[in-house]
Amino acid sequence: MNILYLLIGLSIMLALLFLLAFFWAAKSGQNDDTYTPSIRMLFDEELENPAPQKSDEDQI
């Protein structure tokens, strides 16, 4: 039974550690990207299912 108290305490401390790391990353600008959205429109997106091209044999 005592091990459950230890595991619960460790899991709460680990969760708080991850929460603090998330807030630190958000505050320090880890997710800020001002360059990529401005050039995204310049690149062509490839078609997922391109139409099959007709060969010379299909036209005969």
Protein backbone atom coordinates (compact mmCIF):
# COMPACT_ATOMS: atom_id res chain seq x y z
CA MET A 1 0.00 0.00 0.00
CA ASN A 2 2.88 2.35 0.75
CA ILE A 3 4.25 1.90 -2.78
CA LEU A 4 1.00 3.37 -4.16
CA TYR A 5 1.57 6.58 -2.24
CA LEU A 6 5.09 6.76 -3.60
CA LEU A 7 3.97 6.13 -7.18
CA ILE A 8 1.16 8.68 -6.96
CA GLY A 9 3.57 11.28 -5.60
CA LEU A 10 6.14 10.56 -8.31
CA SER A 11 3.53 10.71 -11.07
CA ILE A 12 2.24 14.08 -9.83
CA MET A 13 5.79 15.45 -9.68
CA LEU A 14 6.49 14.17 -13.19
CA ALA A 15 3.29 15.74 -14.51
CA LEU A 16 4.23 19.07 -12.92
CA LEU A 17 7.69 18.82 -14.47
CA PHE A 18 6.19 18.34 -17.94
CA LEU A 19 3.77 21.21 -17.34
CA LEU A 20 6.61 23.52 -16.36
CA ALA A 21 8.62 22.44 -19.41
CA PHE A 22 5.63 23.22 -21.63
CA PHE A 23 5.18 26.69 -20.15
CA TRP A 24 8.92 27.38 -20.47
CA ALA A 25 8.88 26.34 -24.14
CA ALA A 26 5.83 28.48 -24.89
CA LYS A 27 7.29 31.51 -23.10
CA SER A 28 10.73 31.26 -24.70
CA GLY A 29 9.35 31.17 -28.25
CA GLN A 30 10.09 27.56 -29.11
CA ASN A 31 6.99 27.39 -31.33
CA ASP A 32 7.30 30.76 -33.06
CA ASP A 33 7.86 30.47 -36.80
CA THR A 34 7.39 33.69 -38.71
CA TYR A 35 9.20 32.68 -41.90
CA THR A 36 7.54 29.45 -43.08
CA PRO A 37 3.91 30.70 -43.30
CA SER A 38 4.97 33.57 -45.55
CA ILE A 39 6.62 31.29 -48.12
CA ARG A 40 4.22 28.36 -47.93
CA MET A 41 2.09 29.73 -50.77
CA LEU A 42 5.10 29.71 -53.12
CA PHE A 43 5.44 25.93 -53.16
CA ASP A 44 3.22 23.70 -55.25
CA GLU A 45 1.43 20.97 -53.41
CA GLU A 46 1.61 17.59 -55.04
CA LEU A 47 -1.62 15.86 -55.93
CA GLU A 48 -2.48 12.90 -53.78
CA ASN A 49 -4.17 10.95 -56.60
CA PRO A 50 -3.01 12.32 -59.94
CA ALA A 51 -5.13 11.51 -62.97
CA PRO A 52 -3.69 8.68 -65.08
CA GLN A 53 -2.05 9.92 -68.25
CA LYS A 54 -3.20 8.51 -71.57
CA SER A 55 -0.59 6.68 -73.57
CA ASP A 56 -0.36 6.43 -77.34
CA GLU A 57 -1.93 2.98 -77.26
CA ASP A 58 -5.08 4.31 -75.59
CA GLN A 59 -5.70 6.79 -78.39
CA ILE A 60 -5.73 4.17 -81.17
